[in-house]
N, C-alpha and C. Protein backbone atom coordinates (compact mmCIF):
# COMPACT_ATOMS: atom_id res chain seq x y z
N MET A 1 70.44 107.65 98.94
CA MET A 1 71.02 107.33 100.22
C MET A 1 69.99 106.55 101.00
N ASP A 2 70.50 105.63 101.79
CA ASP A 2 69.60 104.69 102.46
C ASP A 2 69.27 105.04 103.90
N ILE A 3 70.23 105.65 104.60
CA ILE A 3 70.03 105.96 106.01
C ILE A 3 70.55 107.36 106.29
N VAL A 4 69.77 108.13 107.05
CA VAL A 4 70.22 109.42 107.57
C VAL A 4 70.18 109.28 109.08
N ALA A 5 71.32 109.52 109.73
CA ALA A 5 71.42 109.28 111.17
C ALA A 5 72.26 110.37 111.83
N ARG A 6 72.28 110.35 113.13
CA ARG A 6 73.13 111.25 113.92
C ARG A 6 74.17 110.42 114.65
N ASP A 7 75.39 110.95 114.70
CA ASP A 7 76.47 110.40 115.51
C ASP A 7 76.99 111.57 116.33
N GLY A 8 76.40 111.78 117.50
CA GLY A 8 76.69 112.97 118.28
C GLY A 8 76.17 114.19 117.53
N ASP A 9 77.04 115.16 117.28
CA ASP A 9 76.66 116.37 116.54
C ASP A 9 76.77 116.19 115.03
N THR A 10 77.22 115.04 114.59
CA THR A 10 77.45 114.80 113.16
C THR A 10 76.23 114.20 112.50
N LEU A 11 75.85 114.76 111.36
CA LEU A 11 74.78 114.21 110.54
C LEU A 11 75.42 113.22 109.57
N VAL A 12 74.99 111.97 109.60
CA VAL A 12 75.63 110.91 108.82
C VAL A 12 74.68 110.41 107.74
N PHE A 13 75.16 110.43 106.51
CA PHE A 13 74.42 109.89 105.37
C PHE A 13 75.07 108.56 105.03
N VAL A 14 74.26 107.50 105.02
CA VAL A 14 74.79 106.16 104.82
C VAL A 14 74.21 105.54 103.57
N GLU A 15 75.07 105.05 102.71
CA GLU A 15 74.67 104.29 101.53
C GLU A 15 74.97 102.83 101.83
N VAL A 16 73.97 101.95 101.65
CA VAL A 16 74.14 100.53 101.89
C VAL A 16 74.15 99.82 100.55
N LYS A 17 75.19 99.02 100.33
CA LYS A 17 75.31 98.25 99.10
C LYS A 17 75.48 96.79 99.47
N SER A 18 74.84 95.91 98.71
CA SER A 18 74.94 94.48 99.01
C SER A 18 75.12 93.67 97.72
N ARG A 19 75.70 92.49 97.90
CA ARG A 19 75.87 91.53 96.81
C ARG A 19 75.73 90.13 97.38
N ARG A 20 75.43 89.21 96.49
CA ARG A 20 75.32 87.80 96.91
C ARG A 20 76.69 87.19 97.19
N SER A 21 77.70 87.68 96.46
CA SER A 21 79.06 87.18 96.68
C SER A 21 80.03 88.31 96.36
N SER A 22 81.29 88.09 96.67
CA SER A 22 82.30 89.10 96.36
C SER A 22 83.08 88.74 95.09
N ASP A 23 82.50 87.87 94.26
CA ASP A 23 83.16 87.43 93.02
C ASP A 23 83.54 88.60 92.12
N PHE A 24 82.75 89.64 92.14
CA PHE A 24 83.01 90.79 91.27
C PHE A 24 83.45 92.01 92.08
N GLY A 25 84.01 91.79 93.25
CA GLY A 25 84.50 92.88 94.09
C GLY A 25 83.52 93.21 95.20
N SER A 26 83.96 94.08 96.08
CA SER A 26 83.12 94.45 97.22
C SER A 26 81.98 95.37 96.77
N PRO A 27 80.86 95.32 97.45
CA PRO A 27 79.70 96.11 97.05
C PRO A 27 79.95 97.61 96.99
N ASP A 28 80.83 98.13 97.87
CA ASP A 28 81.07 99.57 97.88
C ASP A 28 81.68 100.09 96.58
N ARG A 29 82.24 99.20 95.78
CA ARG A 29 82.81 99.63 94.48
C ARG A 29 81.71 100.12 93.52
N ALA A 30 80.47 99.82 93.82
CA ALA A 30 79.35 100.26 92.98
C ALA A 30 79.06 101.75 93.16
N ILE A 31 79.67 102.38 94.15
CA ILE A 31 79.45 103.80 94.38
C ILE A 31 80.54 104.57 93.65
N ASP A 32 80.26 104.87 92.41
CA ASP A 32 81.22 105.57 91.56
C ASP A 32 81.13 107.08 91.79
N PRO A 33 82.02 107.85 91.16
CA PRO A 33 82.00 109.31 91.36
C PRO A 33 80.65 109.96 91.04
N GLU A 34 79.96 109.46 90.04
CA GLU A 34 78.65 110.04 89.70
C GLU A 34 77.63 109.79 90.82
N LYS A 35 77.62 108.59 91.37
CA LYS A 35 76.73 108.26 92.49
C LYS A 35 77.09 109.11 93.71
N GLN A 36 78.38 109.31 93.96
CA GLN A 36 78.82 110.15 95.06
C GLN A 36 78.31 111.58 94.88
N LYS A 37 78.35 112.09 93.67
CA LYS A 37 77.86 113.45 93.40
C LYS A 37 76.37 113.56 93.70
N ARG A 38 75.59 112.55 93.29
CA ARG A 38 74.14 112.58 93.54
C ARG A 38 73.85 112.52 95.04
N ILE A 39 74.57 111.67 95.76
CA ILE A 39 74.38 111.56 97.21
C ILE A 39 74.76 112.88 97.88
N THR A 40 75.89 113.46 97.46
CA THR A 40 76.36 114.72 98.04
C THR A 40 75.36 115.84 97.79
N ARG A 41 74.82 115.90 96.59
CA ARG A 41 73.83 116.94 96.26
C ARG A 41 72.60 116.82 97.15
N ALA A 42 72.10 115.61 97.32
CA ALA A 42 70.93 115.39 98.18
C ALA A 42 71.26 115.71 99.63
N ALA A 43 72.46 115.34 100.07
CA ALA A 43 72.87 115.61 101.45
C ALA A 43 72.98 117.10 101.72
N ARG A 44 73.53 117.85 100.77
CA ARG A 44 73.64 119.31 100.94
C ARG A 44 72.25 119.92 101.12
N SER A 45 71.31 119.49 100.30
CA SER A 45 69.95 120.00 100.39
C SER A 45 69.34 119.67 101.76
N TYR A 46 69.49 118.43 102.19
CA TYR A 46 68.95 117.99 103.47
C TYR A 46 69.60 118.77 104.62
N ALA A 47 70.93 118.87 104.61
CA ALA A 47 71.65 119.55 105.69
C ALA A 47 71.25 121.03 105.76
N THR A 48 71.08 121.66 104.62
CA THR A 48 70.67 123.06 104.59
C THR A 48 69.29 123.22 105.22
N ARG A 49 68.35 122.38 104.81
CA ARG A 49 66.99 122.46 105.36
C ARG A 49 66.97 122.14 106.85
N ALA A 50 67.87 121.26 107.30
CA ALA A 50 67.92 120.87 108.71
C ALA A 50 68.75 121.83 109.56
N GLY A 51 69.42 122.80 108.89
CA GLY A 51 70.24 123.76 109.62
C GLY A 51 71.53 123.17 110.18
N VAL A 52 72.04 122.14 109.52
CA VAL A 52 73.27 121.48 109.97
C VAL A 52 74.44 122.03 109.15
N PRO A 53 75.48 122.56 109.81
CA PRO A 53 76.65 123.05 109.07
C PRO A 53 77.32 121.92 108.29
N TRP A 54 77.81 122.24 107.10
CA TRP A 54 78.41 121.24 106.23
C TRP A 54 79.61 120.56 106.91
N ALA A 55 80.29 121.25 107.80
CA ALA A 55 81.44 120.67 108.51
C ALA A 55 81.00 119.55 109.45
N GLN A 56 79.71 119.45 109.74
CA GLN A 56 79.19 118.42 110.63
C GLN A 56 78.48 117.30 109.86
N VAL A 57 78.88 117.10 108.61
CA VAL A 57 78.28 116.07 107.77
C VAL A 57 79.33 115.01 107.46
N ARG A 58 78.90 113.75 107.48
CA ARG A 58 79.80 112.64 107.16
C ARG A 58 79.08 111.67 106.23
N PHE A 59 79.85 111.01 105.36
CA PHE A 59 79.31 110.02 104.44
C PHE A 59 79.91 108.65 104.76
N ASP A 60 79.06 107.69 105.04
CA ASP A 60 79.49 106.33 105.33
C ASP A 60 78.93 105.38 104.28
N ILE A 61 79.58 104.25 104.13
CA ILE A 61 79.09 103.18 103.26
C ILE A 61 79.08 101.90 104.09
N VAL A 62 78.00 101.14 103.98
CA VAL A 62 77.93 99.83 104.59
C VAL A 62 77.86 98.81 103.45
N SER A 63 78.85 97.91 103.43
CA SER A 63 78.91 96.86 102.41
C SER A 63 78.48 95.54 103.03
N VAL A 64 77.53 94.88 102.37
CA VAL A 64 77.03 93.60 102.85
C VAL A 64 77.22 92.56 101.76
N VAL A 65 77.88 91.45 102.11
CA VAL A 65 78.00 90.32 101.20
C VAL A 65 77.30 89.15 101.86
N PHE A 66 76.33 88.57 101.15
CA PHE A 66 75.50 87.52 101.73
C PHE A 66 76.17 86.16 101.65
N THR A 67 77.28 86.04 102.36
CA THR A 67 77.95 84.76 102.50
C THR A 67 77.41 84.10 103.76
N ASN A 68 77.97 82.97 104.14
CA ASN A 68 77.52 82.30 105.35
C ASN A 68 78.69 82.19 106.30
N PRO A 69 78.78 83.01 107.34
CA PRO A 69 77.88 84.08 107.75
C PRO A 69 78.06 85.32 106.87
N PRO A 70 77.09 86.22 106.87
CA PRO A 70 77.19 87.44 106.06
C PRO A 70 78.39 88.30 106.50
N SER A 71 78.98 88.97 105.55
CA SER A 71 80.07 89.91 105.81
C SER A 71 79.48 91.32 105.76
N ILE A 72 79.68 92.07 106.84
CA ILE A 72 79.19 93.44 106.91
C ILE A 72 80.36 94.34 107.28
N VAL A 73 80.66 95.31 106.41
CA VAL A 73 81.77 96.22 106.64
C VAL A 73 81.24 97.64 106.62
N HIS A 74 81.56 98.40 107.68
CA HIS A 74 81.14 99.80 107.79
C HIS A 74 82.34 100.68 107.47
N HIS A 75 82.24 101.47 106.40
CA HIS A 75 83.30 102.39 106.01
C HIS A 75 82.89 103.80 106.45
N GLN A 76 83.52 104.32 107.51
CA GLN A 76 83.23 105.68 107.95
C GLN A 76 84.02 106.66 107.11
N ASP A 77 83.45 107.86 106.93
CA ASP A 77 84.11 108.91 106.14
C ASP A 77 84.53 108.37 104.78
N ALA A 78 83.63 107.70 104.10
CA ALA A 78 83.95 107.04 102.83
C ALA A 78 84.24 108.03 101.72
N PHE A 79 83.58 109.18 101.72
CA PHE A 79 83.87 110.21 100.72
C PHE A 79 83.32 111.54 101.20
N LEU A 80 83.80 112.60 100.56
CA LEU A 80 83.36 113.95 100.91
C LEU A 80 83.29 114.77 99.65
N ASP A 81 82.19 115.47 99.46
CA ASP A 81 82.00 116.33 98.29
C ASP A 81 82.24 115.59 96.98
N GLY A 82 81.85 114.31 96.94
CA GLY A 82 81.98 113.57 95.70
C GLY A 82 83.38 113.06 95.41
N ARG A 83 84.34 113.29 96.33
CA ARG A 83 85.70 112.80 96.12
C ARG A 83 85.93 111.61 97.04
N ALA A 84 86.44 110.52 96.51
CA ALA A 84 86.78 109.40 97.36
C ALA A 84 87.94 109.79 98.27
N ILE A 85 87.92 109.30 99.49
CA ILE A 85 89.01 109.60 100.42
C ILE A 85 90.08 108.53 100.28
């Protein structure tokens, strides 16, 4: 995971994916179920150590495509517990 942030009382784990173009799909497609599981496992450990209830955790994805101008898309609540929403 690339960014750990707060949004009010919510602990947000953000994965940032980028590509030079969208010829092969959007960058967020690179976050497969296995990657989601690894991110979720790390987030659970972090939230436990930080004393943050799991109900106050959110997973976001930021997709960046380096076009001119760059395309930046923020996907809030992108997945939970390794399941795509």
